[in-house]
Amino acid sequence: MKNYHALRITTIWFAMIAIAFLASPSLGGPGHHHDHDEPREAGPNGGRMLEDVEPHLEFLVDADRHIVLTPLNDEGGVTSLSGQTASLTGGNRSAPFSMQFAPRGDQALVSDIALPEGNYFPVILRVTAAEGQPARIIRFNMDLSSCPSCEYPEYACICGH
């Protein structure tokens, strides 16, 4: 009987720690609205810098709710496309949306459709640097609401609040 009570107390204790861990705002629980903790650099057009791909890309949602991917050189300036392709899947698992990207001139890839209504979308962006190379997959939560501390939307926030 003594072992049963000790096991039960230990189980309850671990459950309480797990709940506290998952509810912590600094660990992504309720109230955590950023997927970063440090200030970032803004893209040349005010979008989110994607540094996980080469060349780096700026991810921007334009006024018509289309996504614009702009290749950047090492200094952060706009450069020409060099065979990049991209696709994006986002939204809820029960009603996802998919986008393909087409070149706009030689300096940007633009989504074929606009984002659906709403301000918050988990997204998976697949970027291929050149034909025959493996795609780089970038996942993040895109929040189109305005940041309360800087001039950018939350998905491109640079203040790290």
C-alpha atoms as a PDB file:
ATOM      1  CA  MET A   1       0.000   0.000   0.000  1.00  0.00           C
ATOM      2  CA  LYS A   2       2.883   2.315   0.815  1.00  0.00           C
ATOM      3  CA  ASN A   3       4.379   1.854  -2.694  1.00  0.00           C
ATOM      4  CA  TYR A   4       1.030   2.657  -4.321  1.00  0.00           C
ATOM      5  CA  HIS A   5       0.826   6.036  -2.526  1.00  0.00           C
ATOM      6  CA  ALA A   6       4.434   6.895  -3.363  1.00  0.00           C
ATOM      7  CA  LEU A   7       3.835   6.048  -7.025  1.00  0.00           C
ATOM      8  CA  ARG A   8       0.659   8.120  -7.091  1.00  0.00           C
ATOM      9  CA  ILE A   9       2.363  11.146  -5.480  1.00  0.00           C
ATOM     10  CA  THR A  10       5.275  10.860  -7.938  1.00  0.00           C
ATOM     11  CA  THR A  11       2.878  10.664 -10.899  1.00  0.00           C
ATOM     12  CA  ILE A  12       0.942  13.724  -9.706  1.00  0.00           C
ATOM     13  CA  TRP A  13       4.190  15.617  -9.128  1.00  0.00           C
ATOM     14  CA  PHE A  14       5.436  14.881 -12.675  1.00  0.00           C
ATOM     15  CA  ALA A  15       2.055  15.859 -14.128  1.00  0.00           C
ATOM     16  CA  MET A  16       2.162  19.213 -12.304  1.00  0.00           C
ATOM     17  CA  ILE A  17       5.676  19.913 -13.616  1.00  0.00           C
ATOM     18  CA  ALA A  18       4.607  19.036 -17.169  1.00  0.00           C
ATOM     19  CA  ILE A  19       1.586  21.347 -16.950  1.00  0.00           C
ATOM     20  CA  ALA A  20       3.720  24.204 -15.599  1.00  0.00           C
ATOM     21  CA  PHE A  21       6.300  23.642 -18.341  1.00  0.00           C
ATOM     22  CA  LEU A  22       3.736  23.632 -21.150  1.00  0.00           C
ATOM     23  CA  ALA A  23       1.880  26.663 -19.780  1.00  0.00           C
ATOM     24  CA  SER A  24       5.010  28.794 -19.518  1.00  0.00           C
ATOM     25  CA  PRO A  25       4.779  31.783 -21.917  1.00  0.00           C
ATOM     26  CA  SER A  26       8.530  31.676 -22.511  1.00  0.00           C
ATOM     27  CA  LEU A  27       8.188  28.101 -23.763  1.00  0.00           C
ATOM     28  CA  GLY A  28       5.408  28.691 -26.237  1.00  0.00           C
ATOM     29  CA  GLY A  29       2.377  28.377 -23.996  1.00  0.00           C
ATOM     30  CA  PRO A  30      -0.592  30.753 -23.848  1.00  0.00           C
ATOM     31  CA  GLY A  31       0.355  34.367 -24.278  1.00  0.00           C
ATOM     32  CA  HIS A  32       3.462  33.570 -26.305  1.00  0.00           C
ATOM     33  CA  HIS A  33       2.964  35.287 -29.637  1.00  0.00           C
ATOM     34  CA  HIS A  34       6.487  35.346 -31.007  1.00  0.00           C
ATOM     35  CA  ASP A  35       8.649  32.597 -32.367  1.00  0.00           C
ATOM     36  CA  HIS A  36      11.768  34.577 -31.486  1.00  0.00           C
ATOM     37  CA  ASP A  37      13.211  36.202 -28.421  1.00  0.00           C
ATOM     38  CA  GLU A  38      15.912  38.417 -29.889  1.00  0.00           C
ATOM     39  CA  PRO A  39      15.586  41.486 -32.080  1.00  0.00           C
ATOM     40  CA  ARG A  40      15.880  40.791 -35.809  1.00  0.00           C
ATOM     41  CA  GLU A  41      16.928  42.767 -38.807  1.00  0.00           C
ATOM     42  CA  ALA A  42      14.156  44.010 -41.091  1.00  0.00           C
ATOM     43  CA  GLY A  43      14.135  43.150 -44.772  1.00  0.00           C
ATOM     44  CA  PRO A  44      14.556  45.986 -47.295  1.00  0.00           C
ATOM     45  CA  ASN A  45      10.775  46.083 -47.862  1.00  0.00           C
ATOM     46  CA  GLY A  46       9.792  45.550 -44.215  1.00  0.00           C
ATOM     47  CA  GLY A  47       9.321  41.778 -44.432  1.00  0.00           C
ATOM     48  CA  ARG A  48      10.720  38.846 -42.483  1.00  0.00           C
ATOM     49  CA  MET A  49      14.291  37.804 -43.246  1.00  0.00           C
ATOM     50  CA  LEU A  50      14.647  34.096 -44.027  1.00  0.00           C
ATOM     51  CA  GLU A  51      18.289  33.317 -43.401  1.00  0.00           C
ATOM     52  CA  ASP A  52      17.890  29.526 -43.554  1.00  0.00           C
ATOM     53  CA  VAL A  53      18.236  29.569 -47.351  1.00  0.00           C
ATOM     54  CA  GLU A  54      20.922  30.754 -49.762  1.00  0.00           C
ATOM     55  CA  PRO A  55      20.555  33.325 -51.065  1.00  0.00           C
ATOM     56  CA  HIS A  56      18.618  34.723 -48.113  1.00  0.00           C
ATOM     57  CA  LEU A  57      15.022  35.706 -48.825  1.00  0.00           C
ATOM     58  CA  GLU A  58      12.717  38.409 -47.597  1.00  0.00           C
ATOM     59  CA  PHE A  59       9.204  37.076 -46.876  1.00  0.00           C
ATOM     60  CA  LEU A  60       6.622  39.854 -47.295  1.00  0.00           C
ATOM     61  CA  VAL A  61       2.823  39.895 -47.386  1.00  0.00           C
ATOM     62  CA  ASP A  62       1.822  42.714 -49.743  1.00  0.00           C
ATOM     63  CA  ALA A  63      -1.299  44.905 -49.584  1.00  0.00           C
ATOM     64  CA  ASP A  64      -3.248  42.379 -51.713  1.00  0.00           C
ATOM     65  CA  ARG A  65      -2.315  39.550 -49.279  1.00  0.00           C
ATOM     66  CA  HIS A  66      -0.003  37.872 -51.794  1.00  0.00           C
ATOM     67  CA  ILE A  67       3.332  36.629 -50.502  1.00  0.00           C
ATOM     68  CA  VAL A  68       6.442  38.090 -52.133  1.00  0.00           C
ATOM     69  CA  LEU A  69       9.810  36.348 -51.753  1.00  0.00           C
ATOM     70  CA  THR A  70      12.738  38.583 -52.627  1.00  0.00           C
ATOM     71  CA  PRO A  71      16.303  37.203 -52.904  1.00  0.00           C
ATOM     72  CA  LEU A  72      18.932  39.193 -51.015  1.00  0.00           C
ATOM     73  CA  ASN A  73      22.687  39.459 -51.318  1.00  0.00           C
ATOM     74  CA  ASP A  74      25.099  39.204 -48.365  1.00  0.00           C
ATOM     75  CA  GLU A  75      24.679  42.904 -47.584  1.00  0.00           C
ATOM     76  CA  GLY A  76      20.866  42.581 -47.402  1.00  0.00           C
ATOM     77  CA  GLY A  77      20.210  44.286 -50.742  1.00  0.00           C
ATOM     78  CA  VAL A  78      17.879  42.939 -53.414  1.00  0.00           C
ATOM     79  CA  THR A  79      19.530  40.669 -55.972  1.00  0.00           C
ATOM     80  CA  SER A  80      18.306  38.751 -59.028  1.00  0.00           C
ATOM     81  CA  LEU A  81      16.602  35.384 -58.963  1.00  0.00           C
ATOM     82  CA  SER A  82      18.863  32.491 -59.872  1.00  0.00           C
ATOM     83  CA  GLY A  83      16.520  29.564 -60.430  1.00  0.00           C
ATOM     84  CA  GLN A  84      14.764  29.535 -57.049  1.00  0.00           C
ATOM     85  CA  THR A  85      11.338  27.932 -56.766  1.00  0.00           C
ATOM     86  CA  ALA A  86       8.949  27.923 -53.827  1.00  0.00           C
ATOM     87  CA  SER A  87       5.663  26.562 -52.568  1.00  0.00           C
ATOM     88  CA  LEU A  88       3.785  27.130 -49.328  1.00  0.00           C
ATOM     89  CA  THR A  89       1.204  25.168 -47.378  1.00  0.00           C
ATOM     90  CA  GLY A  90      -0.583  26.822 -44.496  1.00  0.00           C
ATOM     91  CA  GLY A  91      -3.678  27.062 -42.376  1.00  0.00           C
ATOM     92  CA  ASN A  92      -5.467  24.536 -40.237  1.00  0.00           C
ATOM     93  CA  ARG A  93      -4.953  20.848 -40.889  1.00  0.00           C
ATOM     94  CA  SER A  94      -8.685  20.495 -41.527  1.00  0.00           C
ATOM     95  CA  ALA A  95      -8.693  23.248 -44.182  1.00  0.00           C
ATOM     96  CA  PRO A  96      -5.166  23.869 -45.502  1.00  0.00           C
ATOM     97  CA  PHE A  97      -4.314  26.108 -48.423  1.00  0.00           C
ATOM     98  CA  SER A  98      -1.460  25.756 -50.901  1.00  0.00           C
ATOM     99  CA  MET A  99       0.397  28.366 -52.886  1.00  0.00           C
ATOM    100  CA  GLN A 100       2.817  28.171 -55.756  1.00  0.00           C
ATOM    101  CA  PHE A 101       5.196  31.005 -56.596  1.00  0.00           C
ATOM    102  CA  ALA A 102       6.012  32.487 -59.989  1.00  0.00           C
ATOM    103  CA  PRO A 103       8.744  34.977 -60.881  1.00  0.00           C
ATOM    104  CA  ARG A 104       7.851  38.678 -61.033  1.00  0.00           C
ATOM    105  CA  GLY A 105      10.532  40.043 -63.282  1.00  0.00           C
ATOM    106  CA  ASP A 106      13.912  38.793 -62.147  1.00  0.00           C
ATOM    107  CA  GLN A 107      13.800  40.058 -58.560  1.00  0.00           C
ATOM    108  CA  ALA A 108      10.906  38.327 -56.768  1.00  0.00           C
ATOM    109  CA  LEU A 109       8.737  35.242 -56.512  1.00  0.00           C
ATOM    110  CA  VAL A 110       5.034  36.013 -55.968  1.00  0.00           C
ATOM    111  CA  SER A 111       2.322  33.646 -54.732  1.00  0.00           C
ATOM    112  CA  ASP A 112      -0.331  32.600 -57.236  1.00  0.00           C
ATOM    113  CA  ILE A 113      -3.184  33.255 -54.785  1.00  0.00           C
ATOM    114  CA  ALA A 114      -3.827  35.652 -51.922  1.00  0.00           C
ATOM    115  CA  LEU A 115      -3.914  34.531 -48.311  1.00  0.00           C
ATOM    116  CA  PRO A 116      -7.368  33.574 -47.038  1.00  0.00           C
ATOM    117  CA  GLU A 117      -9.118  35.750 -44.468  1.00  0.00           C
ATOM    118  CA  GLY A 118      -7.657  35.804 -40.996  1.00  0.00           C
ATOM    119  CA  ASN A 119      -4.459  36.953 -39.350  1.00  0.00           C
ATOM    120  CA  TYR A 120      -2.847  33.778 -38.040  1.00  0.00           C
ATOM    121  CA  PHE A 121      -1.545  30.888 -40.133  1.00  0.00           C
ATOM    122  CA  PRO A 122       0.968  28.178 -39.374  1.00  0.00           C
ATOM    123  CA  VAL A 123       2.967  27.835 -42.606  1.00  0.00           C
ATOM    124  CA  ILE A 124       5.432  25.465 -44.219  1.00  0.00           C
ATOM    125  CA  LEU A 125       7.527  27.105 -46.935  1.00  0.00           C
ATOM    126  CA  ARG A 126       9.545  24.929 -49.320  1.00  0.00           C
ATOM    127  CA  VAL A 127      12.322  26.722 -51.178  1.00  0.00           C
ATOM    128  CA  THR A 128      14.596  25.168 -53.780  1.00  0.00           C
ATOM    129  CA  ALA A 129      17.710  27.180 -54.559  1.00  0.00           C
ATOM    130  CA  ALA A 130      18.183  25.645 -58.015  1.00  0.00           C
ATOM    131  CA  GLU A 131      16.835  22.811 -60.129  1.00  0.00           C
ATOM    132  CA  GLY A 132      17.974  19.425 -58.897  1.00  0.00           C
ATOM    133  CA  GLN A 133      18.816  20.622 -55.384  1.00  0.00           C
ATOM    134  CA  PRO A 134      16.845  19.479 -52.336  1.00  0.00           C
ATOM    135  CA  ALA A 135      14.170  21.805 -50.991  1.00  0.00           C
ATOM    136  CA  ARG A 136      14.819  23.714 -47.775  1.00  0.00           C
ATOM    137  CA  ILE A 137      11.770  23.576 -45.492  1.00  0.00           C
ATOM    138  CA  ILE A 138      11.003  26.534 -43.222  1.00  0.00           C
ATOM    139  CA  ARG A 139       8.180  26.347 -40.684  1.00  0.00           C
ATOM    140  CA  PHE A 140       6.823  29.280 -38.703  1.00  0.00           C
ATOM    141  CA  ASN A 141       3.635  30.845 -37.420  1.00  0.00           C
ATOM    142  CA  MET A 142       2.650  33.789 -39.575  1.00  0.00           C
ATOM    143  CA  ASP A 143       0.793  36.430 -37.580  1.00  0.00           C
ATOM    144  CA  LEU A 144      -0.427  39.371 -39.680  1.00  0.00           C
ATOM    145  CA  SER A 145      -1.554  41.489 -36.733  1.00  0.00           C
ATOM    146  CA  SER A 146       0.408  44.638 -35.924  1.00  0.00           C
ATOM    147  CA  CYS A 147       3.217  44.464 -33.390  1.00  0.00           C
ATOM    148  CA  PRO A 148       2.436  46.746 -30.439  1.00  0.00           C
ATOM    149  CA  SER A 149       6.086  47.814 -30.113  1.00  0.00           C
ATOM    150  CA  CYS A 150       7.440  48.305 -33.632  1.00  0.00           C
ATOM    151  CA  GLU A 151       6.111  49.351 -37.026  1.00  0.00           C
ATOM    152  CA  TYR A 152       6.057  45.852 -38.527  1.00  0.00           C
ATOM    153  CA  PRO A 153       3.466  43.058 -38.537  1.00  0.00           C
ATOM    154  CA  GLU A 154       4.120  40.327 -35.961  1.00  0.00           C
ATOM    155  CA  TYR A 155       5.476  37.874 -38.563  1.00  0.00           C
ATOM    156  CA  ALA A 156       8.210  40.416 -39.409  1.00  0.00           C
ATOM    157  CA  CYS A 157       8.626  41.971 -35.945  1.00  0.00           C
ATOM    158  CA  ILE A 158      12.155  43.205 -35.224  1.00  0.00           C
ATOM    159  CA  CYS A 159      11.826  44.385 -31.625  1.00  0.00           C
ATOM    160  CA  GLY A 160      12.018  40.982 -29.903  1.00  0.00           C
ATOM    161  CA  HIS A 161       9.534  42.002 -27.201  1.00  0.00           C
END
